[in-house]
Amino acid sequence: MIRRESKSRFYSLLTAVLTPVVLIRLALRGLKSPAYFRRWRERFGLFPDPGFRQTIWIHAVSVGEVNAAIPLIRSLMETYQDSDFVVTTITPTGSDRVQQVFGNQVFHVYLPYDLPGAVKRFLRKIRPRLAVIMETEIWPNLFRFSHKQGIPVVVANARLSEMSLKGYKWVQTLAAMAFNHARHVAAQTRTDADRMLRLGCNPEKIHIVGSLKFDIQIDEETRRTGALYRQKLGADRRIWIAASTHPDDEKEVLQAYVMLKKAYPDLLLVLVPRHPERFAQAAQNCRNRGLNTQLRSEHGFCDDQADVFVVDTMGELLPFYAAADFAFVGGSIANVGGHNVLEAAVFSLPVLVGPNTHNFAEINQLLSACGGSVTVQNAEDIVREIRQLIESPEQCRRMGEAAYRMVEENRGAVDLTMKLIANAVDGTPLPEAFKQRRFHPEIPPA
């Protein structure tokens, strides 16, 4: 115990020493995205006390995690109607997404840096009865002080890539301590659970519940908006959306589009870069290739002369998916690890992805195995696969239906996670059948 406390004190000292470096990094990010300059005091737990009691607190680092958390947050709101809700993020884009979806239904504040003083101020002001941490945001002081104050922590939609596991090597003891301060860890897959075990997490805390991303719900308003966007973009045009793209993705996508455009003049590329600070550069890259490029922020919608329509706004990806015929999901030719393919699959779109999908390895394996996606390495592969989808509408339809069916068959993680939360908050016993979802390691931890 003394050794653990010593490590915790050393970690706290180290985070304090490194705080100036973190602030410099925040300032550099602010040069590209001015939103990082705003509300910086919140990152030290300095914000007006909202006067809450017994809040439900959910942390989701950025846009992807917020989107995954939406069905869970809505279920929490329905179940715990007497609670106030606090949602924290780290990025401004995550903050914008929270405000867009929930408005004044939740109180948003940035997660504080993992400094003892900042964490204590934060917890003192929001007074949580429950903390739900999305995916694998391991902050030792945050978990430790929550545990000390009797705040049950549930790690929801937990995943741990092999790369992240290696990254925790130098702080493995602290990461394991953080995990073990949680009441429950709701792992997405057995592979994730096994890595958490190797990190040092107590297997009794781990339950395999699947991915919350399968529980994505598309409301009628989004579908109606998508149908409107389709009309505005051109009802008779073929629409290819390249979503959540990074520079290496766009290089291959644009090269492929130039080749495809010669054979299919009515093909429209809807390009949605992942990060807002890249909107202008992505548009310029299109123009450098001689493509008629129009912007969502400037034109609203494109005219029939547009080659590429750049969506340089936030929070509109889903209705643009709804308006498309087929999709490429980025971060996958770029060696980023891939982004969420299910947001395309739920609209029955055939999906193209690159080879680098380790962030969503199991989901991509399922989508590929059911015939809902194909892997592309470069522009030549993209041209071949898009050409096939255009020339064979029946194949395009079959792939889209397979993608949608795969999403439907894997729903249910929200209900399972809510059972873990009820156990953590109220002591509600887990159903007998739920015990089958507890992680049973074949090999005990070393």
Protein backbone atom coordinates (compact mmCIF):
# COMPACT_ATOMS: atom_id res chain seq x y z
CA MET A 1 0.00 0.00 0.00
CA ILE A 2 2.85 2.36 0.88
CA ARG A 3 4.49 1.59 -2.45
CA ARG A 4 1.27 2.38 -4.30
CA GLU A 5 0.87 5.69 -2.47
CA SER A 6 4.48 6.52 -3.29
CA LYS A 7 3.87 5.86 -6.99
CA SER A 8 0.74 7.99 -6.89
CA ARG A 9 2.63 10.86 -5.28
CA PHE A 10 5.42 10.56 -7.84
CA TYR A 11 2.83 10.58 -10.67
CA SER A 12 1.16 13.70 -9.22
CA LEU A 13 4.55 15.41 -8.93
CA LEU A 14 5.40 14.47 -12.50
CA THR A 15 2.08 15.79 -13.86
CA ALA A 16 2.67 19.06 -12.01
CA VAL A 17 6.18 19.38 -13.49
CA LEU A 18 4.86 18.64 -16.99
CA THR A 19 1.92 21.05 -16.78
CA PRO A 20 3.83 23.89 -18.53
CA VAL A 21 4.57 21.52 -21.42
CA VAL A 22 0.88 20.61 -21.63
CA LEU A 23 -0.06 24.30 -21.65
CA ILE A 24 2.39 25.00 -24.46
CA ARG A 25 0.87 22.15 -26.44
CA LEU A 26 -2.62 23.54 -25.74
CA ALA A 27 -1.47 26.95 -27.00
CA LEU A 28 0.00 25.43 -30.17
CA ARG A 29 -3.26 23.65 -30.86
CA GLY A 30 -5.03 26.94 -30.23
CA LEU A 31 -3.07 28.55 -33.08
CA LYS A 32 -4.72 26.09 -35.47
CA SER A 33 -8.06 25.89 -33.68
CA PRO A 34 -8.80 29.03 -31.58
CA ALA A 35 -11.46 27.16 -29.60
CA TYR A 36 -8.62 25.63 -27.55
CA PHE A 37 -7.87 29.11 -26.15
CA ARG A 38 -11.37 29.47 -24.77
CA ARG A 39 -12.52 28.11 -21.40
CA TRP A 40 -8.98 27.03 -20.52
CA ARG A 41 -9.62 27.61 -16.81
CA GLU A 42 -11.98 24.65 -16.81
CA ARG A 43 -8.98 22.40 -17.43
CA PHE A 44 -7.84 23.26 -13.91
CA GLY A 45 -11.26 22.69 -12.34
CA LEU A 46 -12.00 26.42 -12.31
CA PHE A 47 -15.62 27.02 -13.31
CA PRO A 48 -18.76 28.32 -11.57
CA ASP A 49 -20.31 25.81 -9.19
CA PRO A 50 -23.52 24.64 -10.94
CA GLY A 51 -25.09 23.81 -7.58
CA PHE A 52 -25.82 20.20 -8.47
CA ARG A 53 -26.37 17.29 -6.08
CA GLN A 54 -25.98 13.61 -6.95
CA THR A 55 -25.11 14.07 -10.63
CA ILE A 56 -24.57 11.46 -13.29
CA TRP A 57 -21.24 12.31 -14.90
CA ILE A 58 -20.20 10.96 -18.31
CA HIS A 59 -16.78 11.57 -19.83
CA ALA A 60 -16.26 11.20 -23.59
CA VAL A 61 -12.98 12.54 -24.93
CA SER A 62 -14.06 13.77 -28.39
CA VAL A 63 -16.65 13.51 -31.18
CA GLY A 64 -16.40 9.76 -31.77
CA GLU A 65 -16.76 8.92 -28.10
CA VAL A 66 -19.63 11.39 -27.70
CA ASN A 67 -21.46 9.78 -30.61
CA ALA A 68 -20.96 6.33 -29.09
CA ALA A 69 -22.22 7.59 -25.73
CA ILE A 70 -25.44 9.18 -27.06
CA PRO A 71 -27.72 6.13 -26.73
CA LEU A 72 -26.27 5.34 -23.29
CA ILE A 73 -26.76 8.93 -22.07
CA ARG A 74 -30.35 8.91 -23.28
CA SER A 75 -30.98 5.65 -21.45
CA LEU A 76 -29.41 7.10 -18.30
CA MET A 77 -31.63 10.18 -18.56
CA GLU A 78 -34.71 8.00 -18.81
CA THR A 79 -33.69 5.82 -15.85
CA TYR A 80 -32.29 8.47 -13.49
CA GLN A 81 -34.71 11.32 -14.07
CA ASP A 82 -34.02 12.81 -10.64
CA SER A 83 -30.35 13.44 -11.47
CA ASP A 84 -28.53 16.30 -13.11
CA PHE A 85 -26.21 15.30 -15.95
CA VAL A 86 -22.66 16.46 -16.49
CA VAL A 87 -20.78 15.57 -19.68
CA THR A 88 -17.06 16.25 -19.99
CA THR A 89 -14.88 16.19 -23.08
CA ILE A 90 -11.30 17.11 -23.84
CA THR A 91 -11.67 18.60 -27.33
CA PRO A 92 -13.73 21.61 -28.46
CA THR A 93 -15.25 19.49 -31.25
CA GLY A 94 -16.46 17.06 -28.62
CA SER A 95 -17.92 19.98 -26.68
CA ASP A 96 -19.71 21.24 -29.80
CA ARG A 97 -21.20 17.80 -30.41
CA VAL A 98 -22.49 17.58 -26.83
CA GLN A 99 -24.17 20.98 -27.14
CA GLN A 100 -25.62 20.10 -30.52
CA VAL A 101 -27.21 16.85 -29.32
CA PHE A 102 -28.21 17.66 -25.74
CA GLY A 103 -28.28 21.45 -25.46
CA ASN A 104 -29.22 22.55 -21.93
CA GLN A 105 -30.23 19.01 -20.92
CA VAL A 106 -26.66 18.54 -19.72
CA PHE A 107 -23.95 20.66 -18.14
CA HIS A 108 -20.78 20.55 -20.21
CA VAL A 109 -17.34 21.33 -18.86
CA TYR A 110 -13.87 20.30 -20.00
CA LEU A 111 -12.25 17.47 -18.08
CA PRO A 112 -9.57 18.86 -15.77
CA TYR A 113 -5.93 17.92 -16.09
CA ASP A 114 -5.07 14.97 -13.86
CA LEU A 115 -3.64 17.18 -11.11
CA PRO A 116 -4.78 16.49 -7.53
CA GLY A 117 -6.03 20.04 -6.93
CA ALA A 118 -7.85 20.28 -10.26
CA VAL A 119 -9.48 16.86 -9.84
CA LYS A 120 -10.61 17.60 -6.27
CA ARG A 121 -12.12 20.96 -7.31
CA PHE A 122 -13.92 19.29 -10.21
CA LEU A 123 -15.41 16.51 -8.08
CA ARG A 124 -16.36 18.95 -5.31
CA LYS A 125 -18.34 21.08 -7.77
CA ILE A 126 -20.19 18.43 -9.74
CA ARG A 127 -20.79 15.98 -6.80
CA PRO A 128 -21.30 12.81 -8.87
CA ARG A 129 -23.22 9.79 -7.66
CA LEU A 130 -21.82 7.91 -10.67
CA ALA A 131 -18.96 8.36 -13.13
CA VAL A 132 -19.17 6.76 -16.57
CA ILE A 133 -15.87 6.92 -18.42
CA MET A 134 -16.14 6.13 -22.13
CA GLU A 135 -13.67 3.76 -23.77
CA THR A 136 -10.23 3.82 -22.14
CA GLU A 137 -9.47 7.20 -20.64
CA ILE A 138 -7.16 6.13 -17.82
CA TRP A 139 -6.41 9.04 -15.48
CA PRO A 140 -4.91 7.71 -12.23
CA ASN A 141 -5.76 10.68 -9.98
CA LEU A 142 -9.29 11.00 -11.36
CA PHE A 143 -9.99 7.32 -10.70
CA ARG A 144 -8.19 7.35 -7.34
CA PHE A 145 -10.02 10.36 -5.89
CA SER A 146 -13.36 9.13 -7.23
CA HIS A 147 -12.75 5.83 -5.46
CA LYS A 148 -11.71 7.59 -2.23
CA GLN A 149 -14.93 9.63 -2.28
CA GLY A 150 -17.07 6.55 -2.81
CA ILE A 151 -18.05 7.50 -6.36
CA PRO A 152 -18.64 4.31 -8.38
CA VAL A 153 -16.81 4.39 -11.71
CA VAL A 154 -17.99 2.35 -14.69
CA VAL A 155 -15.70 2.21 -17.72
CA ALA A 156 -18.13 1.88 -20.63
CA ASN A 157 -17.43 0.70 -24.17
CA ALA A 158 -13.93 -0.13 -22.98
CA ARG A 159 -11.32 -0.99 -25.57
CA LEU A 160 -7.57 -1.30 -25.47
CA SER A 161 -5.53 -1.67 -28.63
CA GLU A 162 -2.23 -3.50 -28.70
CA MET A 163 -0.54 -0.18 -29.42
CA SER A 164 -2.15 1.46 -26.38
CA LEU A 165 -1.21 -1.50 -24.22
CA LYS A 166 2.42 -1.07 -25.21
CA GLY A 167 2.12 2.66 -24.56
CA TYR A 168 1.07 1.99 -20.96
CA LYS A 169 4.17 -0.15 -20.39
CA TRP A 170 6.03 2.62 -18.55
CA VAL A 171 3.10 3.41 -16.26
CA GLN A 172 1.56 -0.04 -16.08
CA THR A 173 1.23 -0.11 -12.29
CA LEU A 174 -0.58 3.23 -12.23
CA ALA A 175 -2.82 2.28 -15.16
CA ALA A 176 -3.72 -1.01 -13.46
CA MET A 177 -4.46 0.84 -10.21
CA ALA A 178 -6.77 3.21 -12.09
CA PHE A 179 -8.65 0.34 -13.75
CA ASN A 180 -9.00 -1.47 -10.43
CA HIS A 181 -10.52 1.62 -8.80
CA ALA A 182 -13.45 1.17 -11.21
CA ARG A 183 -16.50 -0.79 -10.08
CA HIS A 184 -17.05 -2.38 -13.50
CA VAL A 185 -15.24 -2.42 -16.85
CA ALA A 186 -17.61 -3.05 -19.78
CA ALA A 187 -15.26 -4.38 -22.46
CA GLN A 188 -16.21 -4.37 -26.10
CA THR A 189 -14.61 -7.71 -27.01
CA ARG A 190 -12.74 -10.63 -25.49
CA THR A 191 -9.58 -9.31 -27.14
CA ASP A 192 -9.99 -5.99 -25.32
CA ALA A 193 -10.67 -7.85 -22.07
CA ASP A 194 -7.54 -9.96 -22.49
CA ARG A 195 -5.40 -6.86 -22.99
CA MET A 196 -6.89 -5.26 -19.88
CA LEU A 197 -5.99 -8.39 -17.96
CA ARG A 198 -2.44 -8.19 -19.28
CA LEU A 199 -2.35 -4.56 -18.14
CA GLY A 200 -3.24 -5.69 -14.63
CA CYS A 201 -7.00 -5.23 -14.36
CA ASN A 202 -8.79 -7.55 -11.95
CA PRO A 203 -10.72 -10.07 -14.11
CA GLU A 204 -13.64 -9.95 -11.64
CA LYS A 205 -14.31 -6.37 -12.78
CA ILE A 206 -14.36 -7.11 -16.52
CA HIS A 207 -17.54 -7.96 -18.42
CA ILE A 208 -17.74 -8.41 -22.19
CA VAL A 209 -20.83 -6.54 -23.41
CA GLY A 210 -20.07 -5.56 -27.03
CA SER A 211 -19.73 -2.11 -28.54
CA LEU A 212 -22.14 0.74 -27.80
CA LYS A 213 -21.51 1.92 -31.34
CA PHE A 214 -23.84 -0.84 -32.59
CA ASP A 215 -26.67 0.80 -30.63
CA ILE A 216 -26.56 3.91 -32.78
CA GLN A 217 -30.09 5.25 -33.28
CA ILE A 218 -31.02 7.28 -36.35
CA ASP A 219 -34.05 9.44 -35.68
CA GLU A 220 -36.59 10.43 -38.27
CA GLU A 221 -35.36 14.02 -38.33
CA THR A 222 -31.90 12.86 -39.43
CA ARG A 223 -33.43 10.68 -42.14
CA ARG A 224 -35.61 13.55 -43.36
CA THR A 225 -32.61 15.88 -43.34
CA GLY A 226 -30.63 13.29 -45.31
CA ALA A 227 -33.39 13.04 -47.92
CA LEU A 228 -33.41 16.84 -48.24
CA TYR A 229 -29.62 16.92 -48.60
CA ARG A 230 -29.89 14.30 -51.33
CA GLN A 231 -32.23 16.52 -53.30
CA LYS A 232 -30.01 19.55 -52.79
CA LEU A 233 -26.84 17.70 -53.84
CA GLY A 234 -28.50 16.28 -56.92
CA ALA A 235 -31.07 13.50 -56.83
CA ASP A 236 -29.82 12.09 -60.14
CA ARG A 237 -26.12 12.21 -59.28
CA ARG A 238 -24.12 9.34 -57.84
CA ILE A 239 -22.83 10.49 -54.46
CA TRP A 240 -19.65 9.11 -52.91
CA ILE A 241 -18.88 10.28 -49.38
CA ALA A 242 -15.31 10.15 -48.05
CA ALA A 243 -15.70 10.71 -44.31
CA SER A 244 -13.38 11.46 -41.38
CA THR A 245 -10.43 11.78 -43.74
CA HIS A 246 -6.78 12.57 -43.02
CA PRO A 247 -4.14 13.79 -45.51
CA ASP A 248 -2.97 10.32 -46.58
CA ASP A 249 -6.57 9.22 -47.11
CA GLU A 250 -7.35 12.28 -49.20
CA LYS A 251 -4.30 11.80 -51.40
CA GLU A 252 -5.57 8.40 -52.57
CA VAL A 253 -9.26 9.39 -52.60
CA LEU A 254 -8.66 12.46 -54.79
CA GLN A 255 -6.39 10.55 -57.15
CA ALA A 256 -9.09 7.90 -57.53
CA TYR A 257 -11.80 10.51 -57.99
CA VAL A 258 -9.93 12.21 -60.84
CA MET A 259 -9.76 8.86 -62.65
CA LEU A 260 -13.39 7.95 -61.92
CA LYS A 261 -14.69 11.35 -63.00
CA LYS A 262 -13.55 10.70 -66.55
CA ALA A 263 -15.79 7.65 -66.80
CA TYR A 264 -18.64 8.95 -64.60
CA PRO A 265 -19.05 12.72 -65.10
CA ASP A 266 -22.05 12.90 -62.76
CA LEU A 267 -20.13 11.42 -59.79
CA LEU A 268 -20.03 13.85 -56.84
CA LEU A 269 -17.46 13.47 -54.08
CA VAL A 270 -18.60 14.68 -50.66
CA LEU A 271 -15.43 15.13 -48.61
CA VAL A 272 -15.66 15.39 -44.81
CA PRO A 273 -12.21 15.98 -43.24
CA ARG A 274 -11.81 14.66 -39.71
CA HIS A 275 -10.38 17.79 -38.10
CA PRO A 276 -11.73 21.34 -38.52
CA GLU A 277 -8.25 22.88 -38.62
CA ARG A 278 -7.73 21.01 -41.93
CA PHE A 279 -10.89 22.17 -43.70
CA ALA A 280 -9.18 24.93 -45.69
CA GLN A 281 -6.18 22.80 -46.65
CA ALA A 282 -8.37 19.90 -47.76
CA ALA A 283 -10.37 22.23 -50.01
CA GLN A 284 -7.16 23.68 -51.45
CA ASN A 285 -5.84 20.19 -52.18
CA CYS A 286 -8.96 19.55 -54.24
CA ARG A 287 -8.56 22.78 -56.18
CA ASN A 288 -4.90 22.03 -56.82
CA ARG A 289 -6.07 19.02 -58.81
CA GLY A 290 -8.26 21.24 -60.96
CA LEU A 291 -11.49 20.09 -59.32
CA ASN A 292 -14.47 22.42 -59.01
CA THR A 293 -14.63 22.56 -55.22
CA GLN A 294 -17.47 24.10 -53.28
CA LEU A 295 -17.81 24.47 -49.51
CA ARG A 296 -20.69 23.81 -47.17
CA SER A 297 -19.85 26.96 -45.17
CA GLU A 298 -19.85 29.21 -48.23
CA HIS A 299 -22.44 27.76 -50.56
CA GLY A 300 -24.84 25.84 -48.31
CA PHE A 301 -25.09 23.24 -51.04
CA CYS A 302 -23.25 22.72 -54.31
CA ASP A 303 -24.50 23.29 -57.82
CA ASP A 304 -24.46 20.71 -60.62
CA GLN A 305 -21.02 21.93 -61.76
CA ALA A 306 -19.32 20.88 -58.52
CA ASP A 307 -16.84 18.01 -58.54
CA VAL A 308 -16.13 18.01 -54.82
CA PHE A 309 -18.33 19.30 -52.00
CA VAL A 310 -16.30 19.84 -48.82
CA VAL A 311 -18.32 19.64 -45.62
CA ASP A 312 -16.36 22.17 -43.56
CA THR A 313 -18.87 22.26 -40.70
CA MET A 314 -19.21 20.10 -37.60
CA GLY A 315 -21.94 17.69 -36.59
CA GLU A 316 -23.44 17.03 -40.02
CA LEU A 317 -21.84 13.72 -40.92
CA LEU A 318 -24.90 11.53 -40.34
CA PRO A 319 -27.33 13.33 -42.70
CA PHE A 320 -24.61 13.41 -45.37
CA TYR A 321 -24.19 9.65 -44.95
CA ALA A 322 -27.96 9.39 -45.38
CA ALA A 323 -27.68 11.30 -48.67
CA ALA A 324 -24.88 9.13 -50.16
CA ASP A 325 -24.73 5.98 -52.28
CA PHE A 326 -21.45 4.54 -50.98
CA ALA A 327 -18.78 5.51 -48.48
CA PHE A 328 -15.08 5.51 -47.76
CA VAL A 329 -14.27 5.80 -44.04
CA GLY A 330 -10.98 7.54 -43.33
CA GLY A 331 -8.16 7.17 -40.89
CA SER A 332 -7.66 3.79 -42.52
CA ILE A 333 -5.30 4.45 -45.43
CA ALA A 334 -3.71 7.03 -43.17
CA ASN A 335 -2.09 5.06 -40.37
CA VAL A 336 -4.45 6.39 -37.74
CA GLY A 337 -6.33 3.19 -36.92
CA GLY A 338 -9.60 3.88 -38.69
CA HIS A 339 -12.81 5.60 -37.66
CA ASN A 340 -16.33 4.37 -37.02
CA VAL A 341 -17.65 2.40 -40.01
CA LEU A 342 -20.99 1.73 -38.30
CA GLU A 343 -22.15 5.30 -38.91
CA ALA A 344 -22.09 4.46 -42.62
CA ALA A 345 -23.33 0.89 -42.26
CA VAL A 346 -26.48 1.93 -40.38
CA PHE A 347 -27.56 3.81 -43.53
CA SER A 348 -27.13 0.65 -45.64
CA LEU A 349 -24.09 2.03 -47.43
CA PRO A 350 -21.41 -0.21 -48.94
CA VAL A 351 -18.20 0.72 -47.13
CA LEU A 352 -14.63 1.05 -48.38
CA VAL A 353 -11.88 1.11 -45.75
CA GLY A 354 -8.11 1.12 -45.85
CA PRO A 355 -5.93 -1.54 -44.19
CA ASN A 356 -5.20 0.37 -40.97
CA THR A 357 -8.26 -0.32 -38.84
CA HIS A 358 -6.75 -1.43 -35.52
CA ASN A 359 -8.93 1.01 -33.54
CA PHE A 360 -12.01 -0.93 -34.64
CA ALA A 361 -10.46 -4.26 -35.61
CA GLU A 362 -13.28 -6.58 -34.56
CA ILE A 363 -16.03 -4.34 -35.96
CA ASN A 364 -14.24 -4.13 -39.29
CA GLN A 365 -13.74 -7.90 -39.32
CA LEU A 366 -17.47 -8.40 -38.80
CA LEU A 367 -18.34 -5.90 -41.52
CA SER A 368 -15.94 -7.49 -43.97
CA ALA A 369 -17.04 -11.04 -43.14
CA CYS A 370 -20.71 -10.26 -43.78
CA GLY A 371 -19.88 -8.68 -47.14
CA GLY A 372 -20.67 -5.12 -46.11
CA SER A 373 -17.20 -3.69 -46.73
CA VAL A 374 -14.08 -4.09 -48.85
CA THR A 375 -10.50 -3.15 -48.03
CA VAL A 376 -8.63 -0.81 -50.35
CA GLN A 377 -4.91 -0.09 -50.24
CA ASN A 378 -4.60 2.79 -52.69
CA ALA A 379 -6.23 4.82 -55.46
CA GLU A 380 -6.18 1.93 -57.92
CA ASP A 381 -8.12 -0.27 -55.50
CA ILE A 382 -10.60 2.51 -54.84
CA VAL A 383 -11.22 3.03 -58.57
CA ARG A 384 -11.82 -0.69 -59.06
CA GLU A 385 -14.27 -1.02 -56.17
CA ILE A 386 -16.22 2.19 -56.86
CA ARG A 387 -16.47 1.25 -60.53
CA GLN A 388 -17.90 -2.14 -59.52
CA LEU A 389 -20.49 -0.50 -57.24
CA ILE A 390 -21.56 1.88 -60.00
CA GLU A 391 -21.72 -0.78 -62.70
CA SER A 392 -23.53 -3.29 -60.50
CA PRO A 393 -26.40 -1.66 -58.57
CA GLU A 394 -27.41 -5.11 -57.33
CA GLN A 395 -24.02 -5.64 -55.69
CA CYS A 396 -24.21 -2.16 -54.22
CA ARG A 397 -27.62 -2.99 -52.72
CA ARG A 398 -26.48 -6.37 -51.34
CA MET A 399 -23.44 -4.86 -49.66
CA GLY A 400 -25.51 -2.10 -48.09
CA GLU A 401 -28.13 -4.53 -46.80
CA ALA A 402 -25.42 -6.78 -45.35
CA ALA A 403 -23.84 -3.81 -43.59
CA TYR A 404 -27.15 -2.74 -42.05
CA ARG A 405 -28.03 -6.30 -41.02
CA MET A 406 -24.67 -6.65 -39.25
CA VAL A 407 -25.42 -3.55 -37.17
CA GLU A 408 -28.87 -4.83 -36.20
CA GLU A 409 -27.58 -8.27 -35.20
CA ASN A 410 -25.03 -6.82 -32.78
CA ARG A 411 -27.13 -4.33 -30.85
CA GLY A 412 -27.64 -4.64 -27.11
CA ALA A 413 -24.56 -3.17 -25.39
CA VAL A 414 -26.56 -0.26 -23.94
CA ASP A 415 -28.92 -2.57 -22.03
CA LEU A 416 -26.04 -4.67 -20.71
CA THR A 417 -24.07 -1.59 -19.66
CA MET A 418 -27.15 -0.19 -17.90
CA LYS A 419 -27.32 -3.37 -15.81
CA LEU A 420 -23.74 -2.85 -14.69
CA ILE A 421 -24.54 0.78 -13.88
CA ALA A 422 -27.61 -0.18 -11.83
CA ASN A 423 -25.44 -2.59 -9.86
CA ALA A 424 -22.83 0.13 -9.27
CA VAL A 425 -25.33 2.83 -8.26
CA ASP A 426 -28.03 0.95 -6.36
CA GLY A 427 -26.54 -2.48 -5.72
CA THR A 428 -29.10 -4.05 -8.04
CA PRO A 429 -28.03 -7.70 -8.46
CA LEU A 430 -26.80 -8.67 -11.88
CA PRO A 431 -29.05 -11.21 -13.62
CA GLU A 432 -27.84 -14.79 -13.43
CA ALA A 433 -27.37 -14.92 -17.19
CA PHE A 434 -25.20 -11.82 -16.99
CA LYS A 435 -22.54 -13.79 -15.13
CA GLN A 436 -21.77 -15.52 -18.41
CA ARG A 437 -20.49 -12.19 -19.67
CA ARG A 438 -17.92 -11.87 -16.94
CA PHE A 439 -14.46 -12.25 -18.37
CA HIS A 440 -12.99 -15.65 -17.54
CA PRO A 441 -9.31 -15.62 -18.49
CA GLU A 442 -7.94 -18.88 -19.80
CA ILE A 443 -4.52 -18.03 -18.40
CA PRO A 444 -4.24 -16.28 -15.04
CA PRO A 445 -2.33 -13.00 -14.99
CA ALA A 446 1.37 -13.23 -14.21
